[in-house]
Each structure stands twice: as C-alpha cells, then as structure tokens.
Amino acid sequence: MSRPANPLRGESAFVVAGTTHLLRPSFENLVAAEAELGSLFELVERAAQGALTLAEITALVWHCLPAEDRPKRHAVGEAILSMGLVAATRPVRVILAQALQGEV
C-alpha cells in the first residue's frame, strides 16, 4: 500500500498473504461488484440479516481492491477465512456504508 487508508473516503487496510492493500469502494469497483453480485441494496439487506455468503464477502472485498496490484481472488478468500467471518464483516460494513452514504 503506497499511502495510508483514508477512512473519510471509505478506505481501509486489508491484509492478504502478509501484504497490506488499500480497500477502497470506488464507483468503478462497486459497479463491477454489483454486476457480479446483484443490487447493492439487496446485498445490504442480506448483510443486515446475517445472510451474506463467503463467496459474496470475498467478491465484494476483491472488487474493492485496486486492480493494478489486486491479489488472486482465492488469496482474498483465504485471508477472509484466516481473519474469521466476524472480523471480515468490518471491511464489508465499511464498503457498504460508503456505498449507501457516499463520501463525507
């Protein structure tokens, strides 16, 4: 990660295989995630019900990593499993909150 995460922009740090990446829900990233996962509003509803799947969490996080140094999706999934699903909901909440509320 070349610069620190800016939480006011919805950014956070995300570690995959010992490397820290900038997790940022940009417009392009969210559009790509929505194209794969369906409506972000429906994703928020499933998240509120505790009904997100590991595949959905992994896809959402993976899409919000910068494409130029994005790790393989399976590595992101392994990072999520190693941190545990409860801890993995933190970056998911940040991403979904940013999508719903917009930039501060």
PDB file of N, CA and C in Angstrom:
ATOM      1  N   MET A   1       0.868  -1.170   0.000  1.00  0.00           N
ATOM      2  CA  MET A   1       0.000   0.000   0.000  1.00  0.00           C
ATOM      3  C   MET A   1       0.904   1.218   0.000  1.00  0.00           C
ATOM      4  N   SER A   2       0.748   2.088  -0.972  1.00  0.00           N
ATOM      5  CA  SER A   2       1.640   3.222  -1.122  1.00  0.00           C
ATOM      6  C   SER A   2       1.291   4.388  -0.207  1.00  0.00           C
ATOM      7  N   ARG A   3       0.046   4.482   0.229  1.00  0.00           N
ATOM      8  CA  ARG A   3      -0.338   5.555   1.138  1.00  0.00           C
ATOM      9  C   ARG A   3      -1.297   4.988   2.177  1.00  0.00           C
ATOM     10  N   PRO A   4      -1.409   5.658   3.314  1.00  0.00           N
ATOM     11  CA  PRO A   4      -2.316   5.135   4.339  1.00  0.00           C
ATOM     12  C   PRO A   4      -3.781   5.267   3.914  1.00  0.00           C
ATOM     13  N   ALA A   5      -4.595   4.380   4.444  1.00  0.00           N
ATOM     14  CA  ALA A   5      -6.031   4.415   4.146  1.00  0.00           C
ATOM     15  C   ALA A   5      -6.654   5.672   4.745  1.00  0.00           C
ATOM     16  N   ASN A   6      -7.599   6.242   4.023  1.00  0.00           N
ATOM     17  CA  ASN A   6      -8.329   7.416   4.472  1.00  0.00           C
ATOM     18  C   ASN A   6      -9.759   6.991   4.798  1.00  0.00           C
ATOM     19  N   PRO A   7     -10.074   6.802   6.089  1.00  0.00           N
ATOM     20  CA  PRO A   7     -11.415   6.337   6.443  1.00  0.00           C
ATOM     21  C   PRO A   7     -12.524   7.304   6.032  1.00  0.00           C
ATOM     22  N   LEU A   8     -12.204   8.588   5.848  1.00  0.00           N
ATOM     23  CA  LEU A   8     -13.225   9.541   5.401  1.00  0.00           C
ATOM     24  C   LEU A   8     -13.654   9.289   3.963  1.00  0.00           C
ATOM     25  N   ARG A   9     -12.833   8.570   3.214  1.00  0.00           N
ATOM     26  CA  ARG A   9     -13.179   8.195   1.839  1.00  0.00           C
ATOM     27  C   ARG A   9     -13.681   6.763   1.763  1.00  0.00           C
ATOM     28  N   GLY A  10     -13.894   6.147   2.919  1.00  0.00           N
ATOM     29  CA  GLY A  10     -14.358   4.773   2.958  1.00  0.00           C
ATOM     30  C   GLY A  10     -13.257   3.760   2.763  1.00  0.00           C
ATOM     31  N   GLU A  11     -12.019   4.199   2.841  1.00  0.00           N
ATOM     32  CA  GLU A  11     -10.884   3.312   2.633  1.00  0.00           C
ATOM     33  C   GLU A  11     -10.518   2.605   3.941  1.00  0.00           C
ATOM     34  N   SER A  12      -9.946   1.435   3.795  1.00  0.00           N
ATOM     35  CA  SER A  12      -9.396   0.719   4.938  1.00  0.00           C
ATOM     36  C   SER A  12      -8.262  -0.161   4.444  1.00  0.00           C
ATOM     37  N   ALA A  13      -7.469  -0.630   5.376  1.00  0.00           N
ATOM     38  CA  ALA A  13      -6.376  -1.539   5.035  1.00  0.00           C
ATOM     39  C   ALA A  13      -6.900  -2.962   5.077  1.00  0.00           C
ATOM     40  N   PHE A  14      -6.404  -3.797   4.187  1.00  0.00           N
ATOM     41  CA  PHE A  14      -6.801  -5.201   4.141  1.00  0.00           C
ATOM     42  C   PHE A  14      -5.560  -6.022   3.838  1.00  0.00           C
ATOM     43  N   VAL A  15      -5.254  -6.978   4.692  1.00  0.00           N
ATOM     44  CA  VAL A  15      -4.027  -7.766   4.564  1.00  0.00           C
ATOM     45  C   VAL A  15      -4.323  -9.096   3.881  1.00  0.00           C
ATOM     46  N   VAL A  16      -3.568  -9.361   2.814  1.00  0.00           N
ATOM     47  CA  VAL A  16      -3.653 -10.628   2.095  1.00  0.00           C
ATOM     48  C   VAL A  16      -2.245 -11.190   2.003  1.00  0.00           C
ATOM     49  N   ALA A  17      -2.049 -12.379   2.540  1.00  0.00           N
ATOM     50  CA  ALA A  17      -0.754 -13.068   2.498  1.00  0.00           C
ATOM     51  C   ALA A  17       0.387 -12.171   2.984  1.00  0.00           C
ATOM     52  N   GLY A  18       0.143 -11.427   4.059  1.00  0.00           N
ATOM     53  CA  GLY A  18       1.168 -10.595   4.649  1.00  0.00           C
ATOM     54  C   GLY A  18       1.390  -9.249   3.989  1.00  0.00           C
ATOM     55  N   THR A  19       0.670  -8.970   2.921  1.00  0.00           N
ATOM     56  CA  THR A  19       0.796  -7.695   2.219  1.00  0.00           C
ATOM     57  C   THR A  19      -0.449  -6.858   2.479  1.00  0.00           C
ATOM     58  N   THR A  20      -0.242  -5.610   2.881  1.00  0.00           N
ATOM     59  CA  THR A  20      -1.363  -4.710   3.148  1.00  0.00           C
ATOM     60  C   THR A  20      -1.783  -4.026   1.860  1.00  0.00           C
ATOM     61  N   HIS A  21      -3.083  -4.100   1.587  1.00  0.00           N
ATOM     62  CA  HIS A  21      -3.669  -3.488   0.393  1.00  0.00           C
ATOM     63  C   HIS A  21      -4.657  -2.413   0.819  1.00  0.00           C
ATOM     64  N   LEU A  22      -4.862  -1.448  -0.051  1.00  0.00           N
ATOM     65  CA  LEU A  22      -5.841  -0.400   0.181  1.00  0.00           C
ATOM     66  C   LEU A  22      -7.194  -0.880  -0.321  1.00  0.00           C
ATOM     67  N   LEU A  23      -8.149  -0.954   0.565  1.00  0.00           N
ATOM     68  CA  LEU A  23      -9.505  -1.358   0.214  1.00  0.00           C
ATOM     69  C   LEU A  23     -10.320  -0.087   0.029  1.00  0.00           C
ATOM     70  N   ARG A  24     -10.789   0.149  -1.203  1.00  0.00           N
ATOM     71  CA  ARG A  24     -11.497   1.398  -1.488  1.00  0.00           C
ATOM     72  C   ARG A  24     -12.699   1.142  -2.377  1.00  0.00           C
ATOM     73  N   PRO A  25     -13.866   1.457  -1.881  1.00  0.00           N
ATOM     74  CA  PRO A  25     -15.079   1.249  -2.674  1.00  0.00           C
ATOM     75  C   PRO A  25     -15.315   2.389  -3.673  1.00  0.00           C
ATOM     76  N   SER A  26     -14.530   2.415  -4.736  1.00  0.00           N
ATOM     77  CA  SER A  26     -14.718   3.444  -5.765  1.00  0.00           C
ATOM     78  C   SER A  26     -15.966   3.119  -6.590  1.00  0.00           C
ATOM     79  N   PHE A  27     -16.417   4.074  -7.353  1.00  0.00           N
ATOM     80  CA  PHE A  27     -17.571   3.866  -8.229  1.00  0.00           C
ATOM     81  C   PHE A  27     -17.349   2.673  -9.146  1.00  0.00           C
ATOM     82  N   GLU A  28     -16.191   2.632  -9.781  1.00  0.00           N
ATOM     83  CA  GLU A  28     -15.899   1.546 -10.716  1.00  0.00           C
ATOM     84  C   GLU A  28     -15.891   0.196 -10.011  1.00  0.00           C
ATOM     85  N   ASN A  29     -15.299   0.162  -8.820  1.00  0.00           N
ATOM     86  CA  ASN A  29     -15.240  -1.089  -8.066  1.00  0.00           C
ATOM     87  C   ASN A  29     -16.634  -1.566  -7.669  1.00  0.00           C
ATOM     88  N   LEU A  30     -17.462  -0.643  -7.220  1.00  0.00           N
ATOM     89  CA  LEU A  30     -18.806  -1.017  -6.797  1.00  0.00           C
ATOM     90  C   LEU A  30     -19.676  -1.437  -7.978  1.00  0.00           C
ATOM     91  N   VAL A  31     -19.497  -0.804  -9.124  1.00  0.00           N
ATOM     92  CA  VAL A  31     -20.241  -1.201 -10.320  1.00  0.00           C
ATOM     93  C   VAL A  31     -19.855  -2.626 -10.717  1.00  0.00           C
ATOM     94  N   ALA A  32     -18.563  -2.933 -10.669  1.00  0.00           N
ATOM     95  CA  ALA A  32     -18.101  -4.282 -11.006  1.00  0.00           C
ATOM     96  C   ALA A  32     -18.645  -5.303 -10.006  1.00  0.00           C
ATOM     97  N   ALA A  33     -18.641  -4.956  -8.733  1.00  0.00           N
ATOM     98  CA  ALA A  33     -19.182  -5.863  -7.712  1.00  0.00           C
ATOM     99  C   ALA A  33     -20.675  -6.071  -7.921  1.00  0.00           C
ATOM    100  N   GLU A  34     -21.379  -5.001  -8.227  1.00  0.00           N
ATOM    101  CA  GLU A  34     -22.826  -5.094  -8.444  1.00  0.00           C
ATOM    102  C   GLU A  34     -23.152  -5.931  -9.678  1.00  0.00           C
ATOM    103  N   ALA A  35     -22.327  -5.815 -10.707  1.00  0.00           N
ATOM    104  CA  ALA A  35     -22.544  -6.612 -11.916  1.00  0.00           C
ATOM    105  C   ALA A  35     -22.433  -8.102 -11.607  1.00  0.00           C
ATOM    106  N   GLU A  36     -21.570  -8.445 -10.684  1.00  0.00           N
ATOM    107  CA  GLU A  36     -21.403  -9.857 -10.314  1.00  0.00           C
ATOM    108  C   GLU A  36     -22.410 -10.307  -9.263  1.00  0.00           C
ATOM    109  N   LEU A  37     -22.641  -9.464  -8.254  1.00  0.00           N
ATOM    110  CA  LEU A  37     -23.406  -9.882  -7.076  1.00  0.00           C
ATOM    111  C   LEU A  37     -24.868  -9.470  -7.096  1.00  0.00           C
ATOM    112  N   GLY A  38     -25.241  -8.590  -7.994  1.00  0.00           N
ATOM    113  CA  GLY A  38     -26.601  -8.064  -7.990  1.00  0.00           C
ATOM    114  C   GLY A  38     -26.666  -6.753  -7.228  1.00  0.00           C
ATOM    115  N   SER A  39     -27.849  -6.282  -7.020  1.00  0.00           N
ATOM    116  CA  SER A  39     -28.104  -4.987  -6.397  1.00  0.00           C
ATOM    117  C   SER A  39     -27.369  -4.822  -5.067  1.00  0.00           C
ATOM    118  N   LEU A  40     -26.710  -3.679  -4.909  1.00  0.00           N
ATOM    119  CA  LEU A  40     -26.046  -3.388  -3.643  1.00  0.00           C
ATOM    120  C   LEU A  40     -27.065  -3.223  -2.516  1.00  0.00           C
ATOM    121  N   PHE A  41     -28.252  -2.719  -2.842  1.00  0.00           N
ATOM    122  CA  PHE A  41     -29.288  -2.595  -1.810  1.00  0.00           C
ATOM    123  C   PHE A  41     -29.693  -3.972  -1.286  1.00  0.00           C
ATOM    124  N   GLU A  42     -29.817  -4.939  -2.194  1.00  0.00           N
ATOM    125  CA  GLU A  42     -30.147  -6.296  -1.771  1.00  0.00           C
ATOM    126  C   GLU A  42     -28.997  -6.905  -0.972  1.00  0.00           C
ATOM    127  N   LEU A  43     -27.767  -6.579  -1.348  1.00  0.00           N
ATOM    128  CA  LEU A  43     -26.601  -7.050  -0.608  1.00  0.00           C
ATOM    129  C   LEU A  43     -26.611  -6.486   0.808  1.00  0.00           C
ATOM    130  N   VAL A  44     -26.969  -5.217   0.939  1.00  0.00           N
ATOM    131  CA  VAL A  44     -27.072  -4.586   2.259  1.00  0.00           C
ATOM    132  C   VAL A  44     -28.140  -5.290   3.088  1.00  0.00           C
ATOM    133  N   GLU A  45     -29.268  -5.604   2.464  1.00  0.00           N
ATOM    134  CA  GLU A  45     -30.344  -6.298   3.185  1.00  0.00           C
ATOM    135  C   GLU A  45     -29.890  -7.673   3.662  1.00  0.00           C
ATOM    136  N   ARG A  46     -29.193  -8.410   2.805  1.00  0.00           N
ATOM    137  CA  ARG A  46     -28.689  -9.724   3.207  1.00  0.00           C
ATOM    138  C   ARG A  46     -27.656  -9.587   4.319  1.00  0.00           C
ATOM    139  N   ALA A  47     -26.819  -8.551   4.229  1.00  0.00           N
ATOM    140  CA  ALA A  47     -25.816  -8.321   5.276  1.00  0.00           C
ATOM    141  C   ALA A  47     -26.502  -8.029   6.614  1.00  0.00           C
ATOM    142  N   ALA A  48     -27.552  -7.222   6.587  1.00  0.00           N
ATOM    143  CA  ALA A  48     -28.280  -6.883   7.812  1.00  0.00           C
ATOM    144  C   ALA A  48     -28.925  -8.119   8.435  1.00  0.00           C
ATOM    145  N   GLN A  49     -29.272  -9.084   7.609  1.00  0.00           N
ATOM    146  CA  GLN A  49     -29.891 -10.325   8.097  1.00  0.00           C
ATOM    147  C   GLN A  49     -28.845 -11.385   8.451  1.00  0.00           C
ATOM    148  N   GLY A  50     -27.565 -11.052   8.254  1.00  0.00           N
ATOM    149  CA  GLY A  50     -26.504 -12.019   8.505  1.00  0.00           C
ATOM    150  C   GLY A  50     -26.494 -13.134   7.481  1.00  0.00           C
ATOM    151  N   ALA A  51     -26.930 -12.825   6.263  1.00  0.00           N
ATOM    152  CA  ALA A  51     -27.104 -13.847   5.239  1.00  0.00           C
ATOM    153  C   ALA A  51     -26.099 -13.756   4.089  1.00  0.00           C
ATOM    154  N   LEU A  52     -25.007 -12.994   4.276  1.00  0.00           N
ATOM    155  CA  LEU A  52     -24.001 -12.938   3.219  1.00  0.00           C
ATOM    156  C   LEU A  52     -23.211 -14.247   3.197  1.00  0.00           C
ATOM    157  N   THR A  53     -22.920 -14.702   2.007  1.00  0.00           N
ATOM    158  CA  THR A  53     -22.121 -15.917   1.871  1.00  0.00           C
ATOM    159  C   THR A  53     -20.638 -15.555   1.827  1.00  0.00           C
ATOM    160  N   LEU A  54     -19.811 -16.551   2.062  1.00  0.00           N
ATOM    161  CA  LEU A  54     -18.365 -16.348   1.957  1.00  0.00           C
ATOM    162  C   LEU A  54     -18.000 -15.888   0.550  1.00  0.00           C
ATOM    163  N   ALA A  55     -18.650 -16.451  -0.450  1.00  0.00           N
ATOM    164  CA  ALA A  55     -18.387 -16.053  -1.838  1.00  0.00           C
ATOM    165  C   ALA A  55     -18.737 -14.587  -2.069  1.00  0.00           C
ATOM    166  N   GLU A  56     -19.840 -14.114  -1.498  1.00  0.00           N
ATOM    167  CA  GLU A  56     -20.237 -12.707  -1.660  1.00  0.00           C
ATOM    168  C   GLU A  56     -19.266 -11.781  -0.946  1.00  0.00           C
ATOM    169  N   ILE A  57     -18.874 -12.141   0.265  1.00  0.00           N
ATOM    170  CA  ILE A  57     -17.914 -11.318   1.008  1.00  0.00           C
ATOM    171  C   ILE A  57     -16.604 -11.234   0.242  1.00  0.00           C
ATOM    172  N   THR A  58     -16.137 -12.370  -0.232  1.00  0.00           N
ATOM    173  CA  THR A  58     -14.871 -12.405  -0.970  1.00  0.00           C
ATOM    174  C   THR A  58     -14.962 -11.572  -2.235  1.00  0.00           C
ATOM    175  N   ALA A  59     -16.034 -11.719  -2.993  1.00  0.00           N
ATOM    176  CA  ALA A  59     -16.189 -10.969  -4.244  1.00  0.00           C
ATOM    177  C   ALA A  59     -16.242  -9.468  -3.988  1.00  0.00           C
ATOM    178  N   LEU A  60     -16.998  -9.057  -2.984  1.00  0.00           N
ATOM    179  CA  LEU A  60     -17.117  -7.627  -2.686  1.00  0.00           C
ATOM    180  C   LEU A  60     -15.767  -7.044  -2.295  1.00  0.00           C
ATOM    181  N   VAL A  61     -15.063  -7.717  -1.410  1.00  0.00           N
ATOM    182  CA  VAL A  61     -13.742  -7.231  -0.992  1.00  0.00           C
ATOM    183  C   VAL A  61     -12.782  -7.225  -2.180  1.00  0.00           C
ATOM    184  N   TRP A  62     -12.759  -8.318  -2.944  1.00  0.00           N
ATOM    185  CA  TRP A  62     -11.850  -8.432  -4.087  1.00  0.00           C
ATOM    186  C   TRP A  62     -12.072  -7.303  -5.093  1.00  0.00           C
ATOM    187  N   HIS A  63     -13.328  -6.999  -5.394  1.00  0.00           N
ATOM    188  CA  HIS A  63     -13.614  -5.936  -6.358  1.00  0.00           C
ATOM    189  C   HIS A  63     -13.178  -4.567  -5.847  1.00  0.00           C
ATOM    190  N   CYS A  64     -13.114  -4.384  -4.521  1.00  0.00           N
ATOM    191  CA  CYS A  64     -12.750  -3.081  -3.959  1.00  0.00           C
ATOM    192  C   CYS A  64     -11.258  -2.940  -3.684  1.00  0.00           C
ATOM    193  N   LEU A  65     -10.465  -3.879  -4.165  1.00  0.00           N
ATOM    194  CA  LEU A  65      -9.008  -3.752  -4.112  1.00  0.00           C
ATOM    195  C   LEU A  65      -8.528  -3.171  -5.435  1.00  0.00           C
ATOM    196  N   PRO A  66      -7.512  -2.319  -5.430  1.00  0.00           N
ATOM    197  CA  PRO A  66      -7.029  -1.715  -6.669  1.00  0.00           C
ATOM    198  C   PRO A  66      -6.608  -2.781  -7.687  1.00  0.00           C
ATOM    199  N   ALA A  67      -7.085  -2.653  -8.897  1.00  0.00           N
ATOM    200  CA  ALA A  67      -6.840  -3.652  -9.947  1.00  0.00           C
ATOM    201  C   ALA A  67      -5.357  -3.824 -10.253  1.00  0.00           C
ATOM    202  N   GLU A  68      -4.571  -2.755 -10.118  1.00  0.00           N
ATOM    203  CA  GLU A  68      -3.166  -2.835 -10.520  1.00  0.00           C
ATOM    204  C   GLU A  68      -2.330  -3.758  -9.643  1.00  0.00           C
ATOM    205  N   ASP A  69      -2.723  -3.984  -8.392  1.00  0.00           N
ATOM    206  CA  ASP A  69      -1.975  -4.925  -7.558  1.00  0.00           C
ATOM    207  C   ASP A  69      -2.915  -5.853  -6.789  1.00  0.00           C
ATOM    208  N   ARG A  70      -4.056  -6.124  -7.378  1.00  0.00           N
ATOM    209  CA  ARG A  70      -5.072  -6.967  -6.753  1.00  0.00           C
ATOM    210  C   ARG A  70      -4.587  -8.412  -6.673  1.00  0.00           C
ATOM    211  N   PRO A  71      -4.635  -8.992  -5.475  1.00  0.00           N
ATOM    212  CA  PRO A  71      -4.261 -10.396  -5.357  1.00  0.00           C
ATOM    213  C   PRO A  71      -5.316 -11.296  -6.003  1.00  0.00           C
ATOM    214  N   LYS A  72      -4.966 -12.541  -6.204  1.00  0.00           N
ATOM    215  CA  LYS A  72      -5.921 -13.505  -6.748  1.00  0.00           C
ATOM    216  C   LYS A  72      -7.107 -13.627  -5.792  1.00  0.00           C
ATOM    217  N   ARG A  73      -8.276 -13.910  -6.354  1.00  0.00           N
ATOM    218  CA  ARG A  73      -9.490 -13.975  -5.540  1.00  0.00           C
ATOM    219  C   ARG A  73      -9.384 -15.051  -4.460  1.00  0.00           C
ATOM    220  N   HIS A  74      -8.805 -16.194  -4.789  1.00  0.00           N
ATOM    221  CA  HIS A  74      -8.705 -17.250  -3.776  1.00  0.00           C
ATOM    222  C   HIS A  74      -7.830 -16.804  -2.597  1.00  0.00           C
ATOM    223  N   ALA A  75      -6.837 -15.962  -2.850  1.00  0.00           N
ATOM    224  CA  ALA A  75      -5.991 -15.446  -1.768  1.00  0.00           C
ATOM    225  C   ALA A  75      -6.796 -14.512  -0.868  1.00  0.00           C
ATOM    226  N   VAL A  76      -7.696 -13.729  -1.470  1.00  0.00           N
ATOM    227  CA  VAL A  76      -8.571 -12.861  -0.675  1.00  0.00           C
ATOM    228  C   VAL A  76      -9.495 -13.719   0.187  1.00  0.00           C
ATOM    229  N   GLY A  77     -10.053 -14.772  -0.406  1.00  0.00           N
ATOM    230  CA  GLY A  77     -10.909 -15.681   0.342  1.00  0.00           C
ATOM    231  C   GLY A  77     -10.172 -16.336   1.498  1.00  0.00           C
ATOM    232  N   GLU A  78      -8.943 -16.738   1.264  1.00  0.00           N
ATOM    233  CA  GLU A  78      -8.136 -17.335   2.329  1.00  0.00           C
ATOM    234  C   GLU A  78      -7.848 -16.325   3.435  1.00  0.00           C
ATOM    235  N   ALA A  79      -7.604 -15.066   3.059  1.00  0.00           N
ATOM    236  CA  ALA A  79      -7.379 -14.017   4.061  1.00  0.00           C
ATOM    237  C   ALA A  79      -8.637 -13.814   4.901  1.00  0.00           C
ATOM    238  N   ILE A  80      -9.792 -13.853   4.266  1.00  0.00           N
ATOM    239  CA  ILE A  80     -11.059 -13.692   4.991  1.00  0.00           C
ATOM    240  C   ILE A  80     -11.257 -14.851   5.959  1.00  0.00           C
ATOM    241  N   LEU A  81     -10.989 -16.065   5.503  1.00  0.00           N
ATOM    242  CA  LEU A  81     -11.130 -17.221   6.396  1.00  0.00           C
ATOM    243  C   LEU A  81     -10.155 -17.156   7.554  1.00  0.00           C
ATOM    244  N   SER A  82      -8.916 -16.716   7.285  1.00  0.00           N
ATOM    245  CA  SER A  82      -7.921 -16.672   8.360  1.00  0.00           C
ATOM    246  C   SER A  82      -8.267 -15.604   9.394  1.00  0.00           C
ATOM    247  N   MET A  83      -8.919 -14.518   8.988  1.00  0.00           N
ATOM    248  CA  MET A  83      -9.308 -13.481   9.949  1.00  0.00           C
ATOM    249  C   MET A  83     -10.618 -13.828  10.641  1.00  0.00           C
ATOM    250  N   GLY A  84     -11.383 -14.731  10.029  1.00  0.00           N
ATOM    251  CA  GLY A  84     -12.680 -15.117  10.581  1.00  0.00           C
ATOM    252  C   GLY A  84     -13.779 -14.260   9.994  1.00  0.00           C
ATOM    253  N   LEU A  85     -14.940 -14.846   9.853  1.00  0.00           N
ATOM    254  CA  LEU A  85     -16.053 -14.138   9.219  1.00  0.00           C
ATOM    255  C   LEU A  85     -16.512 -12.923  10.014  1.00  0.00           C
ATOM    256  N   VAL A  86     -16.438 -12.999  11.331  1.00  0.00           N
ATOM    257  CA  VAL A  86     -16.847 -11.845  12.139  1.00  0.00           C
ATOM    258  C   VAL A  86     -15.935 -10.662  11.855  1.00  0.00           C
ATOM    259  N   ALA A  87     -14.620 -10.893  11.867  1.00  0.00           N
ATOM    260  CA  ALA A  87     -13.675  -9.809  11.580  1.00  0.00           C
ATOM    261  C   ALA A  87     -13.812  -9.334  10.137  1.00  0.00           C
ATOM    262  N   ALA A  88     -14.145 -10.233   9.227  1.00  0.00           N
ATOM    263  CA  ALA A  88     -14.283  -9.866   7.821  1.00  0.00           C
ATOM    264  C   ALA A  88     -15.496  -8.985   7.574  1.00  0.00           C
ATOM    265  N   THR A  89     -16.442  -8.980   8.494  1.00  0.00           N
ATOM    266  CA  THR A  89     -17.598  -8.105   8.302  1.00  0.00           C
ATOM    267  C   THR A  89     -17.236  -6.633   8.478  1.00  0.00           C
ATOM    268  N   ARG A  90     -16.126  -6.352   9.183  1.00  0.00           N
ATOM    269  CA  ARG A  90     -15.725  -4.941   9.360  1.00  0.00           C
ATOM    270  C   ARG A  90     -15.465  -4.253   8.026  1.00  0.00           C
ATOM    271  N   PRO A  91     -14.586  -4.793   7.170  1.00  0.00           N
ATOM    272  CA  PRO A  91     -14.388  -4.114   5.884  1.00  0.00           C
ATOM    273  C   PRO A  91     -15.639  -4.132   5.013  1.00  0.00           C
ATOM    274  N   VAL A  92     -16.447  -5.172   5.127  1.00  0.00           N
ATOM    275  CA  VAL A  92     -17.691  -5.231   4.358  1.00  0.00           C
ATOM    276  C   VAL A  92     -18.618  -4.107   4.799  1.00  0.00           C
ATOM    277  N   ARG A  93     -18.720  -3.888   6.111  1.00  0.00           N
ATOM    278  CA  ARG A  93     -19.553  -2.784   6.607  1.00  0.00           C
ATOM    279  C   ARG A  93     -19.058  -1.441   6.097  1.00  0.00           C
ATOM    280  N   VAL A  94     -17.731  -1.263   6.075  1.00  0.00           N
ATOM    281  CA  VAL A  94     -17.149  -0.012   5.569  1.00  0.00           C
ATOM    282  C   VAL A  94     -17.530   0.190   4.104  1.00  0.00           C
ATOM    283  N   ILE A  95     -17.395  -0.868   3.309  1.00  0.00           N
ATOM    284  CA  ILE A  95     -17.721  -0.785   1.878  1.00  0.00           C
ATOM    285  C   ILE A  95     -19.191  -0.457   1.684  1.00  0.00           C
ATOM    286  N   LEU A  96     -20.066  -1.184   2.361  1.00  0.00           N
ATOM    287  CA  LEU A  96     -21.498  -0.976   2.174  1.00  0.00           C
ATOM    288  C   LEU A  96     -21.950   0.380   2.721  1.00  0.00           C
ATOM    289  N   ALA A  97     -21.371   0.811   3.826  1.00  0.00           N
ATOM    290  CA  ALA A  97     -21.705   2.137   4.364  1.00  0.00           C
ATOM    291  C   ALA A  97     -21.302   3.221   3.383  1.00  0.00           C
ATOM    292  N   GLN A  98     -20.128   3.068   2.788  1.00  0.00           N
ATOM    293  CA  GLN A  98     -19.663   4.050   1.800  1.00  0.00           C
ATOM    294  C   GLN A  98     -20.610   4.079   0.595  1.00  0.00           C
ATOM    295  N   ALA A  99     -21.056   2.915   0.173  1.00  0.00           N
ATOM    296  CA  ALA A  99     -21.969   2.854  -0.980  1.00  0.00           C
ATOM    297  C   ALA A  99     -23.302   3.521  -0.653  1.00  0.00           C
ATOM    298  N   LEU A 100     -23.781   3.352   0.567  1.00  0.00           N
ATOM    299  CA  LEU A 100     -25.072   3.921   0.954  1.00  0.00           C
ATOM    300  C   LEU A 100     -24.998   5.405   1.277  1.00  0.00           C
ATOM    301  N   GLN A 101     -23.919   5.826   1.944  1.00  0.00           N
ATOM    302  CA  GLN A 101     -23.830   7.196   2.461  1.00  0.00           C
ATOM    303  C   GLN A 101     -23.069   8.134   1.557  1.00  0.00           C
ATOM    304  N   GLY A 102     -22.205   7.601   0.721  1.00  0.00           N
ATOM    305  CA  GLY A 102     -21.379   8.452  -0.119  1.00  0.00           C
ATOM    306  C   GLY A 102     -20.198   9.004   0.637  1.00  0.00           C
ATOM    307  N   GLU A 103     -19.402   9.799  -0.038  1.00  0.00           N
ATOM    308  CA  GLU A 103     -18.215  10.376   0.586  1.00  0.00           C
ATOM    309  C   GLU A 103     -18.607  11.492   1.522  1.00  0.00           C
ATOM    310  N   VAL A 104     -17.836  11.603   2.596  1.00  0.00           N
ATOM    311  CA  VAL A 104     -18.057  12.648   3.602  1.00  0.00           C
ATOM    312  C   VAL A 104     -17.484  13.945   3.098  1.00  0.00           C
TER     313      VAL A 104
END
